[in-house]
Amino acid sequence: MLVSPIRRGGRLAEAAELARMCVRRGGMKCLMFADSHRFVELVKRHADRAGFGDRVRGS
């Protein structure tokens, strides 16, 4: 599945929400591309704070 951002609450919040949706819907594996490694780290941190970070990996 390919998803284009809608920009509801900023790109960090939207990326974290998409990751949460993938985890919630049966533990789907997700591949996320970002502008920088820093952004991926921020999404991971956001997932950790939201309580599903153990199901998300960033590299």
PDB file of N, CA and C in Angstrom:
ATOM      1  N   MET A   1       0.845  -1.156   0.000  1.00  0.00           N
ATOM      2  CA  MET A   1       0.000   0.000   0.000  1.00  0.00           C
ATOM      3  C   MET A   1       0.900   1.231   0.000  1.00  0.00           C
ATOM      4  N   LEU A   2       0.572   2.199  -0.806  1.00  0.00           N
ATOM      5  CA  LEU A   2       1.304   3.458  -0.878  1.00  0.00           C
ATOM      6  C   LEU A   2       0.377   4.550  -0.374  1.00  0.00           C
ATOM      7  N   VAL A   3       0.854   5.353   0.557  1.00  0.00           N
ATOM      8  CA  VAL A   3       0.018   6.392   1.153  1.00  0.00           C
ATOM      9  C   VAL A   3       0.681   7.740   0.953  1.00  0.00           C
ATOM     10  N   SER A   4      -0.089   8.690   0.469  1.00  0.00           N
ATOM     11  CA  SER A   4       0.391  10.065   0.343  1.00  0.00           C
ATOM     12  C   SER A   4      -0.111  10.856   1.540  1.00  0.00           C
ATOM     13  N   PRO A   5       0.716  11.719   2.090  1.00  0.00           N
ATOM     14  CA  PRO A   5       0.300  12.478   3.277  1.00  0.00           C
ATOM     15  C   PRO A   5      -0.835  13.446   2.984  1.00  0.00           C
ATOM     16  N   ILE A   6      -1.690  13.647   3.985  1.00  0.00           N
ATOM     17  CA  ILE A   6      -2.805  14.580   3.873  1.00  0.00           C
ATOM     18  C   ILE A   6      -2.466  15.886   4.598  1.00  0.00           C
ATOM     19  N   ARG A   7      -1.501  15.854   5.486  1.00  0.00           N
ATOM     20  CA  ARG A   7      -1.044  17.032   6.248  1.00  0.00           C
ATOM     21  C   ARG A   7      -2.096  17.556   7.209  1.00  0.00           C
ATOM     22  N   ARG A   8      -2.635  16.663   8.035  1.00  0.00           N
ATOM     23  CA  ARG A   8      -3.620  17.084   9.026  1.00  0.00           C
ATOM     24  C   ARG A   8      -2.978  17.777  10.214  1.00  0.00           C
ATOM     25  N   GLY A   9      -1.840  17.300  10.677  1.00  0.00           N
ATOM     26  CA  GLY A   9      -1.272  17.876  11.890  1.00  0.00           C
ATOM     27  C   GLY A   9       0.238  17.950  11.818  1.00  0.00           C
ATOM     28  N   GLY A  10       0.775  18.148  10.662  1.00  0.00           N
ATOM     29  CA  GLY A  10       2.213  18.159  10.502  1.00  0.00           C
ATOM     30  C   GLY A  10       2.716  16.791  10.072  1.00  0.00           C
ATOM     31  N   ARG A  11       3.851  16.776   9.438  1.00  0.00           N
ATOM     32  CA  ARG A  11       4.331  15.521   8.859  1.00  0.00           C
ATOM     33  C   ARG A  11       4.805  14.517   9.898  1.00  0.00           C
ATOM     34  N   LEU A  12       5.325  14.962  11.029  1.00  0.00           N
ATOM     35  CA  LEU A  12       5.729  14.034  12.082  1.00  0.00           C
ATOM     36  C   LEU A  12       4.512  13.321  12.656  1.00  0.00           C
ATOM     37  N   ALA A  13       3.485  14.075  12.999  1.00  0.00           N
ATOM     38  CA  ALA A  13       2.272  13.479  13.557  1.00  0.00           C
ATOM     39  C   ALA A  13       1.624  12.536  12.556  1.00  0.00           C
ATOM     40  N   GLU A  14       1.608  12.912  11.300  1.00  0.00           N
ATOM     41  CA  GLU A  14       0.990  12.054  10.289  1.00  0.00           C
ATOM     42  C   GLU A  14       1.784  10.765  10.072  1.00  0.00           C
ATOM     43  N   ALA A  15       3.101  10.860  10.041  1.00  0.00           N
ATOM     44  CA  ALA A  15       3.930   9.662   9.870  1.00  0.00           C
ATOM     45  C   ALA A  15       3.745   8.719  11.054  1.00  0.00           C
ATOM     46  N   ALA A  16       3.704   9.252  12.257  1.00  0.00           N
ATOM     47  CA  ALA A  16       3.495   8.419  13.442  1.00  0.00           C
ATOM     48  C   ALA A  16       2.105   7.801  13.427  1.00  0.00           C
ATOM     49  N   GLU A  17       1.116   8.533  12.981  1.00  0.00           N
ATOM     50  CA  GLU A  17      -0.245   7.999  12.890  1.00  0.00           C
ATOM     51  C   GLU A  17      -0.318   6.865  11.867  1.00  0.00           C
ATOM     52  N   LEU A  18       0.352   7.006  10.735  1.00  0.00           N
ATOM     53  CA  LEU A  18       0.373   5.939   9.736  1.00  0.00           C
ATOM     54  C   LEU A  18       1.057   4.692  10.287  1.00  0.00           C
ATOM     55  N   ALA A  19       2.133   4.864  11.026  1.00  0.00           N
ATOM     56  CA  ALA A  19       2.811   3.726  11.650  1.00  0.00           C
ATOM     57  C   ALA A  19       1.883   3.057  12.656  1.00  0.00           C
ATOM     58  N   ARG A  20       1.171   3.845  13.443  1.00  0.00           N
ATOM     59  CA  ARG A  20       0.227   3.313  14.421  1.00  0.00           C
ATOM     60  C   ARG A  20      -0.873   2.522  13.732  1.00  0.00           C
ATOM     61  N   MET A  21      -1.378   3.034  12.619  1.00  0.00           N
ATOM     62  CA  MET A  21      -2.422   2.328  11.873  1.00  0.00           C
ATOM     63  C   MET A  21      -1.921   0.979  11.365  1.00  0.00           C
ATOM     64  N   CYS A  22      -0.703   0.932  10.885  1.00  0.00           N
ATOM     65  CA  CYS A  22      -0.141  -0.328  10.402  1.00  0.00           C
ATOM     66  C   CYS A  22      -0.014  -1.339  11.534  1.00  0.00           C
ATOM     67  N   VAL A  23       0.447  -0.886  12.684  1.00  0.00           N
ATOM     68  CA  VAL A  23       0.604  -1.776  13.841  1.00  0.00           C
ATOM     69  C   VAL A  23      -0.764  -2.263  14.305  1.00  0.00           C
ATOM     70  N   ARG A  24      -1.719  -1.376  14.371  1.00  0.00           N
ATOM     71  CA  ARG A  24      -3.056  -1.711  14.872  1.00  0.00           C
ATOM     72  C   ARG A  24      -3.767  -2.706  13.950  1.00  0.00           C
ATOM     73  N   ARG A  25      -3.552  -2.604  12.658  1.00  0.00           N
ATOM     74  CA  ARG A  25      -4.251  -3.469  11.691  1.00  0.00           C
ATOM     75  C   ARG A  25      -3.494  -4.768  11.460  1.00  0.00           C
ATOM     76  N   GLY A  26      -3.363  -5.540  12.480  1.00  0.00           N
ATOM     77  CA  GLY A  26      -2.811  -6.875  12.332  1.00  0.00           C
ATOM     78  C   GLY A  26      -1.299  -6.938  12.278  1.00  0.00           C
ATOM     79  N   GLY A  27      -0.633  -5.929  12.756  1.00  0.00           N
ATOM     80  CA  GLY A  27       0.824  -5.984  12.815  1.00  0.00           C
ATOM     81  C   GLY A  27       1.508  -5.939  11.464  1.00  0.00           C
ATOM     82  N   MET A  28       0.962  -5.169  10.536  1.00  0.00           N
ATOM     83  CA  MET A  28       1.555  -5.060   9.207  1.00  0.00           C
ATOM     84  C   MET A  28       2.994  -4.574   9.292  1.00  0.00           C
ATOM     85  N   LYS A  29       3.811  -5.034   8.373  1.00  0.00           N
ATOM     86  CA  LYS A  29       5.163  -4.491   8.264  1.00  0.00           C
ATOM     87  C   LYS A  29       5.092  -3.239   7.406  1.00  0.00           C
ATOM     88  N   CYS A  30       5.858  -2.242   7.799  1.00  0.00           N
ATOM     89  CA  CYS A  30       5.841  -0.966   7.082  1.00  0.00           C
ATOM     90  C   CYS A  30       7.252  -0.559   6.695  1.00  0.00           C
ATOM     91  N   LEU A  31       7.362   0.026   5.554  1.00  0.00           N
ATOM     92  CA  LEU A  31       8.617   0.607   5.106  1.00  0.00           C
ATOM     93  C   LEU A  31       8.351   2.087   4.900  1.00  0.00           C
ATOM     94  N   MET A  32       9.083   2.907   5.643  1.00  0.00           N
ATOM     95  CA  MET A  32       8.863   4.337   5.571  1.00  0.00           C
ATOM     96  C   MET A  32      10.107   5.021   5.026  1.00  0.00           C
ATOM     97  N   PHE A  33       9.906   5.877   4.072  1.00  0.00           N
ATOM     98  CA  PHE A  33      10.986   6.682   3.536  1.00  0.00           C
ATOM     99  C   PHE A  33      10.827   8.099   4.080  1.00  0.00           C
ATOM    100  N   ALA A  34      11.920   8.707   4.442  1.00  0.00           N
ATOM    101  CA  ALA A  34      11.870  10.054   4.997  1.00  0.00           C
ATOM    102  C   ALA A  34      13.020  10.880   4.435  1.00  0.00           C
ATOM    103  N   ASP A  35      12.935  12.174   4.663  1.00  0.00           N
ATOM    104  CA  ASP A  35      13.953  13.099   4.173  1.00  0.00           C
ATOM    105  C   ASP A  35      15.295  12.895   4.859  1.00  0.00           C
ATOM    106  N   SER A  36      15.237  12.381   6.107  1.00  0.00           N
ATOM    107  CA  SER A  36      16.478  12.252   6.863  1.00  0.00           C
ATOM    108  C   SER A  36      16.355  11.155   7.911  1.00  0.00           C
ATOM    109  N   HIS A  37      17.503  10.692   8.369  1.00  0.00           N
ATOM    110  CA  HIS A  37      17.530   9.719   9.455  1.00  0.00           C
ATOM    111  C   HIS A  37      16.961  10.353  10.718  1.00  0.00           C
ATOM    112  N   ARG A  38      17.190  11.612  10.900  1.00  0.00           N
ATOM    113  CA  ARG A  38      16.678  12.342  12.068  1.00  0.00           C
ATOM    114  C   ARG A  38      15.156  12.268  12.133  1.00  0.00           C
ATOM    115  N   PHE A  39      14.500  12.425  10.985  1.00  0.00           N
ATOM    116  CA  PHE A  39      13.043  12.364  10.954  1.00  0.00           C
ATOM    117  C   PHE A  39      12.549  10.976  11.363  1.00  0.00           C
ATOM    118  N   VAL A  40      13.216   9.933  10.887  1.00  0.00           N
ATOM    119  CA  VAL A  40      12.849   8.566  11.259  1.00  0.00           C
ATOM    120  C   VAL A  40      13.006   8.383  12.770  1.00  0.00           C
ATOM    121  N   GLU A  41      14.073   8.929  13.337  1.00  0.00           N
ATOM    122  CA  GLU A  41      14.269   8.843  14.790  1.00  0.00           C
ATOM    123  C   GLU A  41      13.148   9.560  15.543  1.00  0.00           C
ATOM    124  N   LEU A  42      12.696  10.689  15.015  1.00  0.00           N
ATOM    125  CA  LEU A  42      11.601  11.425  15.656  1.00  0.00           C
ATOM    126  C   LEU A  42      10.296  10.637  15.605  1.00  0.00           C
ATOM    127  N   VAL A  43      10.025   9.979  14.480  1.00  0.00           N
ATOM    128  CA  VAL A  43       8.820   9.154  14.370  1.00  0.00           C
ATOM    129  C   VAL A  43       8.889   8.009  15.381  1.00  0.00           C
ATOM    130  N   LYS A  44      10.062   7.396  15.493  1.00  0.00           N
ATOM    131  CA  LYS A  44      10.244   6.308  16.450  1.00  0.00           C
ATOM    132  C   LYS A  44      10.021   6.798  17.879  1.00  0.00           C
ATOM    133  N   ARG A  45      10.545   7.942  18.205  1.00  0.00           N
ATOM    134  CA  ARG A  45      10.359   8.525  19.548  1.00  0.00           C
ATOM    135  C   ARG A  45       8.872   8.803  19.807  1.00  0.00           C
ATOM    136  N   HIS A  46       8.190   9.318  18.807  1.00  0.00           N
ATOM    137  CA  HIS A  46       6.758   9.581  18.920  1.00  0.00           C
ATOM    138  C   HIS A  46       6.007   8.276  19.164  1.00  0.00           C
ATOM    139  N   ALA A  47       6.382   7.209  18.460  1.00  0.00           N
ATOM    140  CA  ALA A  47       5.758   5.888  18.651  1.00  0.00           C
ATOM    141  C   ALA A  47       6.026   5.367  20.061  1.00  0.00           C
ATOM    142  N   ASP A  48       7.239   5.579  20.556  1.00  0.00           N
ATOM    143  CA  ASP A  48       7.571   5.155  21.922  1.00  0.00           C
ATOM    144  C   ASP A  48       6.661   5.842  22.937  1.00  0.00           C
ATOM    145  N   ARG A  49       6.490   7.143  22.788  1.00  0.00           N
ATOM    146  CA  ARG A  49       5.654   7.906  23.717  1.00  0.00           C
ATOM    147  C   ARG A  49       4.190   7.501  23.629  1.00  0.00           C
ATOM    148  N   ALA A  50       3.747   7.107  22.428  1.00  0.00           N
ATOM    149  CA  ALA A  50       2.346   6.724  22.218  1.00  0.00           C
ATOM    150  C   ALA A  50       2.057   5.298  22.663  1.00  0.00           C
ATOM    151  N   GLY A  51       3.112   4.551  23.024  1.00  0.00           N
ATOM    152  CA  GLY A  51       2.909   3.228  23.578  1.00  0.00           C
ATOM    153  C   GLY A  51       2.964   2.072  22.590  1.00  0.00           C
ATOM    154  N   PHE A  52       3.377   2.317  21.356  1.00  0.00           N
ATOM    155  CA  PHE A  52       3.514   1.213  20.411  1.00  0.00           C
ATOM    156  C   PHE A  52       4.905   1.154  19.789  1.00  0.00           C
ATOM    157  N   GLY A  53       5.848   1.792  20.434  1.00  0.00           N
ATOM    158  CA  GLY A  53       7.216   1.840  19.927  1.00  0.00           C
ATOM    159  C   GLY A  53       7.924   0.493  19.880  1.00  0.00           C
ATOM    160  N   ASP A  54       7.446  -0.451  20.700  1.00  0.00           N
ATOM    161  CA  ASP A  54       8.055  -1.785  20.665  1.00  0.00           C
ATOM    162  C   ASP A  54       7.731  -2.523  19.375  1.00  0.00           C
ATOM    163  N   ARG A  55       6.761  -2.022  18.593  1.00  0.00           N
ATOM    164  CA  ARG A  55       6.379  -2.647  17.330  1.00  0.00           C
ATOM    165  C   ARG A  55       6.916  -1.897  16.118  1.00  0.00           C
ATOM    166  N   VAL A  56       7.722  -0.854  16.358  1.00  0.00           N
ATOM    167  CA  VAL A  56       8.232   0.001  15.284  1.00  0.00           C
ATOM    168  C   VAL A  56       9.759  -0.020  15.309  1.00  0.00           C
ATOM    169  N   ARG A  57      10.365  -0.146  14.167  1.00  0.00           N
ATOM    170  CA  ARG A  57      11.818  -0.108  14.062  1.00  0.00           C
ATOM    171  C   ARG A  57      12.224   0.997  13.091  1.00  0.00           C
ATOM    172  N   GLY A  58      13.296   1.640  13.389  1.00  0.00           N
ATOM    173  CA  GLY A  58      13.850   2.658  12.498  1.00  0.00           C
ATOM    174  C   GLY A  58      15.300   2.369  12.227  1.00  0.00           C
ATOM    175  N   SER A  59      15.717   2.668  11.033  1.00  0.00           N
ATOM    176  CA  SER A  59      17.137   2.479  10.718  1.00  0.00           C
ATOM    177  C   SER A  59      17.610   3.508   9.725  1.00  0.00           C
TER     178      SER A  59
END
